[in-house]
Amino acid sequence: MKGKHGSEKFKCLQCSFVARAKHYLMRHMKVKHSSEEFKCFQCSFVTRARHYLLRHMKVKHGSEEFKCLQCSFVTKAKRTLLLHMKVKHSSEEFKCHQCSFVTKAKYLLLRHMKRKHG
């Protein structure tokens, strides 16, 4: 299957999901269509993807913390700190071309466009 720009797309045979890479399709299949479950031994968290369990263990039960160098924000997830830095301390802005909405995170602009301008 070919995408908009000629790149290969990978379609799930069990639903309408389409991935841009084979490993994304494989992860989707495991998470959405597999009956295998991974359970946290420290709480009631359950998932169908091993990498989600590993991330859960690190964030919820790990001791490592990531601290913002510009303010008092602290998190257990490096990814969350990077997003915090971009949204709170970056001067980059993403503007909606259809209304006055402005944000510092591209994903928030994309979500806004989908929700407000369909």
PDB file of N, CA and C in Angstrom:
ATOM      1  N   MET A   1       0.842  -1.167   0.000  1.00  0.00           N
ATOM      2  CA  MET A   1       0.000   0.000   0.000  1.00  0.00           C
ATOM      3  C   MET A   1       0.894   1.239   0.000  1.00  0.00           C
ATOM      4  N   LYS A   2       0.593   2.219  -0.854  1.00  0.00           N
ATOM      5  CA  LYS A   2       1.382   3.449  -0.957  1.00  0.00           C
ATOM      6  C   LYS A   2       0.661   4.605  -0.279  1.00  0.00           C
ATOM      7  N   GLY A   3       1.431   5.480   0.388  1.00  0.00           N
ATOM      8  CA  GLY A   3       0.886   6.646   1.063  1.00  0.00           C
ATOM      9  C   GLY A   3       0.835   7.856   0.149  1.00  0.00           C
ATOM     10  N   LYS A   4       0.539   9.025   0.705  1.00  0.00           N
ATOM     11  CA  LYS A   4       0.407  10.284  -0.039  1.00  0.00           C
ATOM     12  C   LYS A   4       1.649  10.616  -0.862  1.00  0.00           C
ATOM     13  N   HIS A   5       2.801  10.419  -0.290  1.00  0.00           N
ATOM     14  CA  HIS A   5       4.038  10.836  -0.929  1.00  0.00           C
ATOM     15  C   HIS A   5       4.821   9.658  -1.503  1.00  0.00           C
ATOM     16  N   GLY A   6       4.131   8.585  -1.834  1.00  0.00           N
ATOM     17  CA  GLY A   6       4.759   7.433  -2.456  1.00  0.00           C
ATOM     18  C   GLY A   6       5.443   6.483  -1.492  1.00  0.00           C
ATOM     19  N   SER A   7       5.444   6.810  -0.196  1.00  0.00           N
ATOM     20  CA  SER A   7       6.080   5.923   0.770  1.00  0.00           C
ATOM     21  C   SER A   7       5.160   4.737   1.059  1.00  0.00           C
ATOM     22  N   GLU A   8       5.770   3.622   1.395  1.00  0.00           N
ATOM     23  CA  GLU A   8       4.998   2.408   1.655  1.00  0.00           C
ATOM     24  C   GLU A   8       4.229   2.531   2.968  1.00  0.00           C
ATOM     25  N   LYS A   9       2.991   2.049   2.984  1.00  0.00           N
ATOM     26  CA  LYS A   9       2.148   2.031   4.177  1.00  0.00           C
ATOM     27  C   LYS A   9       1.836   0.577   4.507  1.00  0.00           C
ATOM     28  N   PHE A  10       1.618   0.294   5.773  1.00  0.00           N
ATOM     29  CA  PHE A  10       1.349  -1.062   6.238  1.00  0.00           C
ATOM     30  C   PHE A  10      -0.023  -1.099   6.891  1.00  0.00           C
ATOM     31  N   LYS A  11      -0.940  -1.865   6.336  1.00  0.00           N
ATOM     32  CA  LYS A  11      -2.337  -1.921   6.788  1.00  0.00           C
ATOM     33  C   LYS A  11      -2.570  -3.118   7.685  1.00  0.00           C
ATOM     34  N   CYS A  12      -3.277  -2.872   8.793  1.00  0.00           N
ATOM     35  CA  CYS A  12      -3.684  -3.948   9.696  1.00  0.00           C
ATOM     36  C   CYS A  12      -4.781  -4.760   9.013  1.00  0.00           C
ATOM     37  N   LEU A  13      -4.690  -6.063   9.089  1.00  0.00           N
ATOM     38  CA  LEU A  13      -5.681  -6.937   8.468  1.00  0.00           C
ATOM     39  C   LEU A  13      -6.924  -7.128   9.340  1.00  0.00           C
ATOM     40  N   GLN A  14      -6.868  -6.645  10.593  1.00  0.00           N
ATOM     41  CA  GLN A  14      -7.987  -6.835  11.515  1.00  0.00           C
ATOM     42  C   GLN A  14      -8.795  -5.568  11.784  1.00  0.00           C
ATOM     43  N   CYS A  15      -8.273  -4.403  11.367  1.00  0.00           N
ATOM     44  CA  CYS A  15      -9.002  -3.147  11.553  1.00  0.00           C
ATOM     45  C   CYS A  15      -8.515  -2.137  10.518  1.00  0.00           C
ATOM     46  N   SER A  16      -8.887  -0.888  10.652  1.00  0.00           N
ATOM     47  CA  SER A  16      -8.557   0.124   9.644  1.00  0.00           C
ATOM     48  C   SER A  16      -7.225   0.833   9.898  1.00  0.00           C
ATOM     49  N   PHE A  17      -6.462   0.413  10.889  1.00  0.00           N
ATOM     50  CA  PHE A  17      -5.188   1.046  11.214  1.00  0.00           C
ATOM     51  C   PHE A  17      -4.196   0.926  10.058  1.00  0.00           C
ATOM     52  N   VAL A  18      -3.489   2.030   9.777  1.00  0.00           N
ATOM     53  CA  VAL A  18      -2.441   2.042   8.754  1.00  0.00           C
ATOM     54  C   VAL A  18      -1.198   2.650   9.381  1.00  0.00           C
ATOM     55  N   ALA A  19      -0.053   1.996   9.204  1.00  0.00           N
ATOM     56  CA  ALA A  19       1.213   2.460   9.781  1.00  0.00           C
ATOM     57  C   ALA A  19       2.174   2.870   8.679  1.00  0.00           C
ATOM     58  N   ARG A  20       3.107   3.763   9.029  1.00  0.00           N
ATOM     59  CA  ARG A  20       4.104   4.192   8.051  1.00  0.00           C
ATOM     60  C   ARG A  20       5.352   3.316   8.071  1.00  0.00           C
ATOM     61  N   ALA A  21       5.438   2.428   9.044  1.00  0.00           N
ATOM     62  CA  ALA A  21       6.575   1.512   9.136  1.00  0.00           C
ATOM     63  C   ALA A  21       6.091   0.167   9.670  1.00  0.00           C
ATOM     64  N   LYS A  22       6.756  -0.886   9.252  1.00  0.00           N
ATOM     65  CA  LYS A  22       6.336  -2.238   9.639  1.00  0.00           C
ATOM     66  C   LYS A  22       6.364  -2.435  11.158  1.00  0.00           C
ATOM     67  N   HIS A  23       7.373  -1.874  11.833  1.00  0.00           N
ATOM     68  CA  HIS A  23       7.452  -2.073  13.292  1.00  0.00           C
ATOM     69  C   HIS A  23       6.294  -1.385  14.019  1.00  0.00           C
ATOM     70  N   TYR A  24       5.768  -0.289  13.460  1.00  0.00           N
ATOM     71  CA  TYR A  24       4.588   0.339  14.064  1.00  0.00           C
ATOM     72  C   TYR A  24       3.361  -0.563  13.920  1.00  0.00           C
ATOM     73  N   LEU A  25       3.253  -1.216  12.772  1.00  0.00           N
ATOM     74  CA  LEU A  25       2.144  -2.153  12.575  1.00  0.00           C
ATOM     75  C   LEU A  25       2.268  -3.327  13.539  1.00  0.00           C
ATOM     76  N   MET A  26       3.475  -3.845  13.706  1.00  0.00           N
ATOM     77  CA  MET A  26       3.691  -4.975  14.612  1.00  0.00           C
ATOM     78  C   MET A  26       3.335  -4.583  16.052  1.00  0.00           C
ATOM     79  N   ARG A  27       3.726  -3.384  16.469  1.00  0.00           N
ATOM     80  CA  ARG A  27       3.401  -2.919  17.817  1.00  0.00           C
ATOM     81  C   ARG A  27       1.880  -2.774  17.963  1.00  0.00           C
ATOM     82  N   HIS A  28       1.225  -2.209  16.945  1.00  0.00           N
ATOM     83  CA  HIS A  28      -0.233  -2.077  16.962  1.00  0.00           C
ATOM     84  C   HIS A  28      -0.891  -3.441  17.113  1.00  0.00           C
ATOM     85  N   MET A  29      -0.457  -4.412  16.330  1.00  0.00           N
ATOM     86  CA  MET A  29      -1.033  -5.764  16.376  1.00  0.00           C
ATOM     87  C   MET A  29      -0.908  -6.356  17.783  1.00  0.00           C
ATOM     88  N   LYS A  30       0.253  -6.173  18.379  1.00  0.00           N
ATOM     89  CA  LYS A  30       0.489  -6.730  19.708  1.00  0.00           C
ATOM     90  C   LYS A  30      -0.387  -6.046  20.763  1.00  0.00           C
ATOM     91  N   VAL A  31      -0.493  -4.723  20.684  1.00  0.00           N
ATOM     92  CA  VAL A  31      -1.244  -3.963  21.685  1.00  0.00           C
ATOM     93  C   VAL A  31      -2.748  -4.107  21.501  1.00  0.00           C
ATOM     94  N   LYS A  32      -3.223  -4.051  20.266  1.00  0.00           N
ATOM     95  CA  LYS A  32      -4.665  -4.031  20.010  1.00  0.00           C
ATOM     96  C   LYS A  32      -5.298  -5.394  19.765  1.00  0.00           C
ATOM     97  N   HIS A  33      -4.552  -6.349  19.232  1.00  0.00           N
ATOM     98  CA  HIS A  33      -5.171  -7.599  18.807  1.00  0.00           C
ATOM     99  C   HIS A  33      -4.605  -8.856  19.470  1.00  0.00           C
ATOM    100  N   SER A  34      -3.665  -8.703  20.370  1.00  0.00           N
ATOM    101  CA  SER A  34      -3.085  -9.847  21.065  1.00  0.00           C
ATOM    102  C   SER A  34      -3.798 -10.064  22.399  1.00  0.00           C
ATOM    103  N   SER A  35      -3.844 -11.293  22.853  1.00  0.00           N
ATOM    104  CA  SER A  35      -4.450 -11.570  24.154  1.00  0.00           C
ATOM    105  C   SER A  35      -3.392 -11.656  25.261  1.00  0.00           C
ATOM    106  N   GLU A  36      -2.101 -11.596  24.888  1.00  0.00           N
ATOM    107  CA  GLU A  36      -1.023 -11.651  25.871  1.00  0.00           C
ATOM    108  C   GLU A  36      -1.038 -10.388  26.729  1.00  0.00           C
ATOM    109  N   GLU A  37      -0.888 -10.552  28.047  1.00  0.00           N
ATOM    110  CA  GLU A  37      -0.893  -9.417  28.956  1.00  0.00           C
ATOM    111  C   GLU A  37       0.381  -9.391  29.787  1.00  0.00           C
ATOM    112  N   PHE A  38       0.846  -8.185  30.078  1.00  0.00           N
ATOM    113  CA  PHE A  38       1.994  -7.975  30.944  1.00  0.00           C
ATOM    114  C   PHE A  38       1.495  -7.234  32.179  1.00  0.00           C
ATOM    115  N   LYS A  39       1.752  -7.802  33.370  1.00  0.00           N
ATOM    116  CA  LYS A  39       1.222  -7.251  34.613  1.00  0.00           C
ATOM    117  C   LYS A  39       2.346  -6.707  35.488  1.00  0.00           C
ATOM    118  N   CYS A  40       2.087  -5.562  36.078  1.00  0.00           N
ATOM    119  CA  CYS A  40       3.023  -4.969  37.022  1.00  0.00           C
ATOM    120  C   CYS A  40       2.952  -5.757  38.330  1.00  0.00           C
ATOM    121  N   PHE A  41       4.087  -6.100  38.893  1.00  0.00           N
ATOM    122  CA  PHE A  41       4.082  -6.864  40.145  1.00  0.00           C
ATOM    123  C   PHE A  41       3.984  -5.955  41.366  1.00  0.00           C
ATOM    124  N   GLN A  42       3.971  -4.628  41.153  1.00  0.00           N
ATOM    125  CA  GLN A  42       3.889  -3.693  42.274  1.00  0.00           C
ATOM    126  C   GLN A  42       2.535  -3.004  42.397  1.00  0.00           C
ATOM    127  N   CYS A  43       1.708  -3.104  41.366  1.00  0.00           N
ATOM    128  CA  CYS A  43       0.378  -2.491  41.409  1.00  0.00           C
ATOM    129  C   CYS A  43      -0.543  -3.234  40.430  1.00  0.00           C
ATOM    130  N   SER A  44      -1.693  -2.702  40.164  1.00  0.00           N
ATOM    131  CA  SER A  44      -2.679  -3.398  39.328  1.00  0.00           C
ATOM    132  C   SER A  44      -2.568  -3.080  37.829  1.00  0.00           C
ATOM    133  N   PHE A  45      -1.535  -2.355  37.408  1.00  0.00           N
ATOM    134  CA  PHE A  45      -1.368  -1.989  36.000  1.00  0.00           C
ATOM    135  C   PHE A  45      -1.207  -3.238  35.126  1.00  0.00           C
ATOM    136  N   VAL A  46      -1.949  -3.256  34.000  1.00  0.00           N
ATOM    137  CA  VAL A  46      -1.887  -4.362  33.033  1.00  0.00           C
ATOM    138  C   VAL A  46      -1.865  -3.758  31.632  1.00  0.00           C
ATOM    139  N   THR A  47      -1.045  -4.331  30.755  1.00  0.00           N
ATOM    140  CA  THR A  47      -0.966  -3.876  29.370  1.00  0.00           C
ATOM    141  C   THR A  47      -0.695  -5.069  28.451  1.00  0.00           C
ATOM    142  N   ARG A  48      -0.917  -4.866  27.172  1.00  0.00           N
ATOM    143  CA  ARG A  48      -0.624  -5.919  26.190  1.00  0.00           C
ATOM    144  C   ARG A  48       0.740  -5.719  25.537  1.00  0.00           C
ATOM    145  N   ALA A  49       1.437  -4.661  25.899  1.00  0.00           N
ATOM    146  CA  ALA A  49       2.741  -4.367  25.294  1.00  0.00           C
ATOM    147  C   ALA A  49       3.822  -4.296  26.365  1.00  0.00           C
ATOM    148  N   ARG A  50       4.874  -5.054  26.183  1.00  0.00           N
ATOM    149  CA  ARG A  50       5.965  -5.113  27.148  1.00  0.00           C
ATOM    150  C   ARG A  50       6.601  -3.737  27.353  1.00  0.00           C
ATOM    151  N   HIS A  51       6.777  -2.975  26.252  1.00  0.00           N
ATOM    152  CA  HIS A  51       7.413  -1.666  26.381  1.00  0.00           C
ATOM    153  C   HIS A  51       6.569  -0.700  27.197  1.00  0.00           C
ATOM    154  N   TYR A  52       5.241  -0.845  27.190  1.00  0.00           N
ATOM    155  CA  TYR A  52       4.386  -0.012  28.036  1.00  0.00           C
ATOM    156  C   TYR A  52       4.576  -0.373  29.511  1.00  0.00           C
ATOM    157  N   LEU A  53       4.731  -1.661  29.780  1.00  0.00           N
ATOM    158  CA  LEU A  53       4.976  -2.081  31.167  1.00  0.00           C
ATOM    159  C   LEU A  53       6.322  -1.538  31.646  1.00  0.00           C
ATOM    160  N   LEU A  54       7.348  -1.632  30.808  1.00  0.00           N
ATOM    161  CA  LEU A  54       8.670  -1.128  31.196  1.00  0.00           C
ATOM    162  C   LEU A  54       8.629   0.375  31.458  1.00  0.00           C
ATOM    163  N   ARG A  55       7.925   1.119  30.612  1.00  0.00           N
ATOM    164  CA  ARG A  55       7.790   2.562  30.819  1.00  0.00           C
ATOM    165  C   ARG A  55       7.012   2.843  32.106  1.00  0.00           C
ATOM    166  N   HIS A  56       5.941   2.084  32.344  1.00  0.00           N
ATOM    167  CA  HIS A  56       5.155   2.224  33.571  1.00  0.00           C
ATOM    168  C   HIS A  56       6.036   1.994  34.798  1.00  0.00           C
ATOM    169  N   MET A  57       6.817   0.927  34.783  1.00  0.00           N
ATOM    170  CA  MET A  57       7.678   0.594  35.927  1.00  0.00           C
ATOM    171  C   MET A  57       8.662   1.734  36.206  1.00  0.00           C
ATOM    172  N   LYS A  58       9.246   2.277  35.151  1.00  0.00           N
ATOM    173  CA  LYS A  58      10.228   3.344  35.306  1.00  0.00           C
ATOM    174  C   LYS A  58       9.583   4.621  35.853  1.00  0.00           C
ATOM    175  N   VAL A  59       8.432   4.986  35.293  1.00  0.00           N
ATOM    176  CA  VAL A  59       7.781   6.236  35.681  1.00  0.00           C
ATOM    177  C   VAL A  59       7.086   6.135  37.034  1.00  0.00           C
ATOM    178  N   LYS A  60       6.357   5.058  37.269  1.00  0.00           N
ATOM    179  CA  LYS A  60       5.565   4.941  38.504  1.00  0.00           C
ATOM    180  C   LYS A  60       6.340   4.387  39.689  1.00  0.00           C
ATOM    181  N   HIS A  61       7.290   3.505  39.442  1.00  0.00           N
ATOM    182  CA  HIS A  61       7.962   2.821  40.550  1.00  0.00           C
ATOM    183  C   HIS A  61       9.469   3.071  40.588  1.00  0.00           C
ATOM    184  N   GLY A  62       9.992   3.790  39.611  1.00  0.00           N
ATOM    185  CA  GLY A  62      11.429   4.077  39.572  1.00  0.00           C
ATOM    186  C   GLY A  62      11.774   5.258  40.466  1.00  0.00           C
ATOM    187  N   SER A  63      13.059   5.438  40.707  1.00  0.00           N
ATOM    188  CA  SER A  63      13.494   6.524  41.582  1.00  0.00           C
ATOM    189  C   SER A  63      14.160   7.664  40.814  1.00  0.00           C
ATOM    190  N   GLU A  64      14.467   7.461  39.535  1.00  0.00           N
ATOM    191  CA  GLU A  64      15.128   8.499  38.745  1.00  0.00           C
ATOM    192  C   GLU A  64      14.188   9.680  38.506  1.00  0.00           C
ATOM    193  N   GLU A  65      14.729  10.882  38.653  1.00  0.00           N
ATOM    194  CA  GLU A  65      13.950  12.087  38.409  1.00  0.00           C
ATOM    195  C   GLU A  65      14.676  12.979  37.410  1.00  0.00           C
ATOM    196  N   PHE A  66      13.888  13.685  36.616  1.00  0.00           N
ATOM    197  CA  PHE A  66      14.426  14.630  35.639  1.00  0.00           C
ATOM    198  C   PHE A  66      13.955  16.023  36.054  1.00  0.00           C
ATOM    199  N   LYS A  67      14.920  16.934  36.258  1.00  0.00           N
ATOM    200  CA  LYS A  67      14.605  18.269  36.770  1.00  0.00           C
ATOM    201  C   LYS A  67      14.846  19.322  35.698  1.00  0.00           C
ATOM    202  N   CYS A  68      13.913  20.256  35.630  1.00  0.00           N
ATOM    203  CA  CYS A  68      14.049  21.389  34.722  1.00  0.00           C
ATOM    204  C   CYS A  68      15.120  22.327  35.284  1.00  0.00           C
ATOM    205  N   LEU A  69      16.018  22.789  34.416  1.00  0.00           N
ATOM    206  CA  LEU A  69      17.080  23.690  34.843  1.00  0.00           C
ATOM    207  C   LEU A  69      16.623  25.145  34.900  1.00  0.00           C
ATOM    208  N   GLN A  70      15.406  25.412  34.424  1.00  0.00           N
ATOM    209  CA  GLN A  70      14.922  26.789  34.368  1.00  0.00           C
ATOM    210  C   GLN A  70      13.807  27.093  35.372  1.00  0.00           C
ATOM    211  N   CYS A  71      13.252  26.055  35.983  1.00  0.00           N
ATOM    212  CA  CYS A  71      12.196  26.257  36.984  1.00  0.00           C
ATOM    213  C   CYS A  71      12.184  25.051  37.928  1.00  0.00           C
ATOM    214  N   SER A  72      11.182  24.945  38.767  1.00  0.00           N
ATOM    215  CA  SER A  72      11.148  23.884  39.781  1.00  0.00           C
ATOM    216  C   SER A  72      10.472  22.593  39.301  1.00  0.00           C
ATOM    217  N   PHE A  73      10.114  22.495  38.027  1.00  0.00           N
ATOM    218  CA  PHE A  73       9.430  21.305  37.502  1.00  0.00           C
ATOM    219  C   PHE A  73      10.301  20.065  37.620  1.00  0.00           C
ATOM    220  N   VAL A  74       9.703  18.968  38.112  1.00  0.00           N
ATOM    221  CA  VAL A  74      10.384  17.674  38.254  1.00  0.00           C
ATOM    222  C   VAL A  74       9.446  16.584  37.763  1.00  0.00           C
ATOM    223  N   THR A  75       9.993  15.585  37.048  1.00  0.00           N
ATOM    224  CA  THR A  75       9.198  14.463  36.562  1.00  0.00           C
ATOM    225  C   THR A  75      10.049  13.200  36.560  1.00  0.00           C
ATOM    226  N   LYS A  76       9.401  12.053  36.467  1.00  0.00           N
ATOM    227  CA  LYS A  76      10.113  10.782  36.377  1.00  0.00           C
ATOM    228  C   LYS A  76      10.290  10.333  34.932  1.00  0.00           C
ATOM    229  N   ALA A  77       9.732  11.080  34.003  1.00  0.00           N
ATOM    230  CA  ALA A  77       9.815  10.708  32.581  1.00  0.00           C
ATOM    231  C   ALA A  77      10.588  11.766  31.802  1.00  0.00           C
ATOM    232  N   LYS A  78      11.681  11.363  31.179  1.00  0.00           N
ATOM    233  CA  LYS A  78      12.505  12.278  30.387  1.00  0.00           C
ATOM    234  C   LYS A  78      11.673  12.937  29.290  1.00  0.00           C
ATOM    235  N   ARG A  79      10.802  12.159  28.690  1.00  0.00           N
ATOM    236  CA  ARG A  79       9.936  12.640  27.630  1.00  0.00           C
ATOM    237  C   ARG A  79       9.045  13.796  28.109  1.00  0.00           C
ATOM    238  N   THR A  80       8.545  13.679  29.326  1.00  0.00           N
ATOM    239  CA  THR A  80       7.703  14.719  29.904  1.00  0.00           C
ATOM    240  C   THR A  80       8.508  15.995  30.147  1.00  0.00           C
ATOM    241  N   LEU A  81       9.755  15.848  30.595  1.00  0.00           N
ATOM    242  CA  LEU A  81      10.612  17.016  30.799  1.00  0.00           C
ATOM    243  C   LEU A  81      10.882  17.718  29.473  1.00  0.00           C
ATOM    244  N   LEU A  82      11.163  16.961  28.419  1.00  0.00           N
ATOM    245  CA  LEU A  82      11.426  17.559  27.112  1.00  0.00           C
ATOM    246  C   LEU A  82      10.207  18.330  26.605  1.00  0.00           C
ATOM    247  N   LEU A  83       9.022  17.766  26.799  1.00  0.00           N
ATOM    248  CA  LEU A  83       7.796  18.450  26.400  1.00  0.00           C
ATOM    249  C   LEU A  83       7.597  19.720  27.249  1.00  0.00           C
ATOM    250  N   HIS A  84       7.835  19.612  28.552  1.00  0.00           N
ATOM    251  CA  HIS A  84       7.739  20.761  29.445  1.00  0.00           C
ATOM    252  C   HIS A  84       8.667  21.880  28.969  1.00  0.00           C
ATOM    253  N   MET A  85       9.905  21.545  28.655  1.00  0.00           N
ATOM    254  CA  MET A  85      10.882  22.535  28.205  1.00  0.00           C
ATOM    255  C   MET A  85      10.396  23.240  26.941  1.00  0.00           C
ATOM    256  N   LYS A  86       9.844  22.471  26.029  1.00  0.00           N
ATOM    257  CA  LYS A  86       9.373  23.034  24.765  1.00  0.00           C
ATOM    258  C   LYS A  86       8.171  23.953  24.978  1.00  0.00           C
ATOM    259  N   VAL A  87       7.224  23.513  25.790  1.00  0.00           N
ATOM    260  CA  VAL A  87       5.991  24.274  25.990  1.00  0.00           C
ATOM    261  C   VAL A  87       6.202  25.482  26.912  1.00  0.00           C
ATOM    262  N   LYS A  88       6.961  25.326  27.966  1.00  0.00           N
ATOM    263  CA  LYS A  88       7.104  26.395  28.962  1.00  0.00           C
ATOM    264  C   LYS A  88       8.271  27.354  28.714  1.00  0.00           C
ATOM    265  N   HIS A  89       9.340  26.880  28.084  1.00  0.00           N
ATOM    266  CA  HIS A  89      10.550  27.697  28.003  1.00  0.00           C
ATOM    267  C   HIS A  89      11.024  27.985  26.577  1.00  0.00           C
ATOM    268  N   SER A  90      10.322  27.530  25.587  1.00  0.00           N
ATOM    269  CA  SER A  90      10.710  27.775  24.196  1.00  0.00           C
ATOM    270  C   SER A  90      10.005  29.019  23.663  1.00  0.00           C
ATOM    271  N   SER A  91      10.649  29.705  22.749  1.00  0.00           N
ATOM    272  CA  SER A  91      10.020  30.880  22.132  1.00  0.00           C
ATOM    273  C   SER A  91       9.310  30.504  20.831  1.00  0.00           C
ATOM    274  N   GLU A  92       9.491  29.278  20.384  1.00  0.00           N
ATOM    275  CA  GLU A  92       8.846  28.817  19.145  1.00  0.00           C
ATOM    276  C   GLU A  92       7.330  28.744  19.331  1.00  0.00           C
ATOM    277  N   GLU A  93       6.598  29.214  18.327  1.00  0.00           N
ATOM    278  CA  GLU A  93       5.137  29.184  18.382  1.00  0.00           C
ATOM    279  C   GLU A  93       4.564  28.561  17.113  1.00  0.00           C
ATOM    280  N   PHE A  94       3.438  27.886  17.281  1.00  0.00           N
ATOM    281  CA  PHE A  94       2.709  27.293  16.165  1.00  0.00           C
ATOM    282  C   PHE A  94       1.342  27.965  16.114  1.00  0.00           C
ATOM    283  N   LYS A  95       1.036  28.598  14.968  1.00  0.00           N
ATOM    284  CA  LYS A  95      -0.194  29.379  14.833  1.00  0.00           C
ATOM    285  C   LYS A  95      -1.169  28.708  13.882  1.00  0.00           C
ATOM    286  N   CYS A  96      -2.427  28.747  14.271  1.00  0.00           N
ATOM    287  CA  CYS A  96      -3.496  28.234  13.422  1.00  0.00           C
ATOM    288  C   CYS A  96      -3.759  29.263  12.317  1.00  0.00           C
ATOM    289  N   HIS A  97      -3.872  28.784  11.081  1.00  0.00           N
ATOM    290  CA  HIS A  97      -4.116  29.670   9.947  1.00  0.00           C
ATOM    291  C   HIS A  97      -5.597  29.960   9.737  1.00  0.00           C
ATOM    292  N   GLN A  98      -6.448  29.321  10.574  1.00  0.00           N
ATOM    293  CA  GLN A  98      -7.887  29.509  10.410  1.00  0.00           C
ATOM    294  C   GLN A  98      -8.527  30.304  11.551  1.00  0.00           C
ATOM    295  N   CYS A  99      -7.782  30.506  12.642  1.00  0.00           N
ATOM    296  CA  CYS A  99      -8.295  31.290  13.769  1.00  0.00           C
ATOM    297  C   CYS A  99      -7.117  31.849  14.555  1.00  0.00           C
ATOM    298  N   SER A 100      -7.361  32.382  15.732  1.00  0.00           N
ATOM    299  CA  SER A 100      -6.302  33.041  16.507  1.00  0.00           C
ATOM    300  C   SER A 100      -5.550  32.101  17.465  1.00  0.00           C
ATOM    301  N   PHE A 101      -5.800  30.797  17.397  1.00  0.00           N
ATOM    302  CA  PHE A 101      -5.149  29.838  18.296  1.00  0.00           C
ATOM    303  C   PHE A 101      -3.630  29.833  18.079  1.00  0.00           C
ATOM    304  N   VAL A 102      -2.874  29.886  19.194  1.00  0.00           N
ATOM    305  CA  VAL A 102      -1.408  29.836  19.169  1.00  0.00           C
ATOM    306  C   VAL A 102      -0.950  28.912  20.280  1.00  0.00           C
ATOM    307  N   THR A 103       0.067  28.097  20.010  1.00  0.00           N
ATOM    308  CA  THR A 103       0.605  27.185  21.024  1.00  0.00           C
ATOM    309  C   THR A 103       2.110  27.022  20.805  1.00  0.00           C
ATOM    310  N   LYS A 104       2.788  26.478  21.802  1.00  0.00           N
ATOM    311  CA  LYS A 104       4.214  26.214  21.675  1.00  0.00           C
ATOM    312  C   LYS A 104       4.502  24.757  21.336  1.00  0.00           C
ATOM    313  N   ALA A 105       3.474  23.950  21.216  1.00  0.00           N
ATOM    314  CA  ALA A 105       3.648  22.526  20.910  1.00  0.00           C
ATOM    315  C   ALA A 105       2.918  22.179  19.612  1.00  0.00           C
ATOM    316  N   LYS A 106       3.646  21.629  18.666  1.00  0.00           N
ATOM    317  CA  LYS A 106       3.062  21.293  17.368  1.00  0.00           C
ATOM    318  C   LYS A 106       1.906  20.312  17.513  1.00  0.00           C
ATOM    319  N   TYR A 107       2.037  19.329  18.416  1.00  0.00           N
ATOM    320  CA  TYR A 107       0.970  18.340  18.579  1.00  0.00           C
ATOM    321  C   TYR A 107      -0.324  19.001  19.064  1.00  0.00           C
ATOM    322  N   LEU A 108      -0.208  20.080  19.850  1.00  0.00           N
ATOM    323  CA  LEU A 108      -1.406  20.789  20.312  1.00  0.00           C
ATOM    324  C   LEU A 108      -2.082  21.546  19.167  1.00  0.00           C
ATOM    325  N   LEU A 109      -1.285  22.088  18.250  1.00  0.00           N
ATOM    326  CA  LEU A 109      -1.864  22.738  17.078  1.00  0.00           C
ATOM    327  C   LEU A 109      -2.584  21.708  16.209  1.00  0.00           C
ATOM    328  N   LEU A 110      -1.955  20.548  16.002  1.00  0.00           N
ATOM    329  CA  LEU A 110      -2.582  19.493  15.196  1.00  0.00           C
ATOM    330  C   LEU A 110      -3.885  19.020  15.834  1.00  0.00           C
ATOM    331  N   ARG A 111      -3.877  18.857  17.152  1.00  0.00           N
ATOM    332  CA  ARG A 111      -5.093  18.445  17.864  1.00  0.00           C
ATOM    333  C   ARG A 111      -6.176  19.521  17.734  1.00  0.00           C
ATOM    334  N   HIS A 112      -5.782  20.785  17.881  1.00  0.00           N
ATOM    335  CA  HIS A 112      -6.713  21.900  17.721  1.00  0.00           C
ATOM    336  C   HIS A 112      -7.328  21.888  16.320  1.00  0.00           C
ATOM    337  N   MET A 113      -6.489  21.733  15.299  1.00  0.00           N
ATOM    338  CA  MET A 113      -6.975  21.740  13.904  1.00  0.00           C
ATOM    339  C   MET A 113      -7.995  20.639  13.686  1.00  0.00           C
ATOM    340  N   LYS A 114      -7.708  19.468  14.230  1.00  0.00           N
ATOM    341  CA  LYS A 114      -8.615  18.322  14.063  1.00  0.00           C
ATOM    342  C   LYS A 114      -9.952  18.557  14.784  1.00  0.00           C
ATOM    343  N   ARG A 115      -9.868  19.067  16.015  1.00  0.00           N
ATOM    344  CA  ARG A 115     -11.080  19.243  16.835  1.00  0.00           C
ATOM    345  C   ARG A 115     -11.923  20.446  16.398  1.00  0.00           C
ATOM    346  N   LYS A 116     -11.274  21.540  16.058  1.00  0.00           N
ATOM    347  CA  LYS A 116     -12.012  22.781  15.773  1.00  0.00           C
ATOM    348  C   LYS A 116     -12.318  22.988  14.298  1.00  0.00           C
ATOM    349  N   HIS A 117     -11.456  22.499  13.434  1.00  0.00           N
ATOM    350  CA  HIS A 117     -11.624  22.778  12.003  1.00  0.00           C
ATOM    351  C   HIS A 117     -11.801  21.517  11.172  1.00  0.00           C
ATOM    352  N   GLY A 118     -11.859  20.362  11.847  1.00  0.00           N
ATOM    353  CA  GLY A 118     -12.150  19.065  11.281  1.00  0.00           C
ATOM    354  C   GLY A 118     -11.447  18.684  10.057  1.00  0.00           C
TER     355      GLY A 118
END
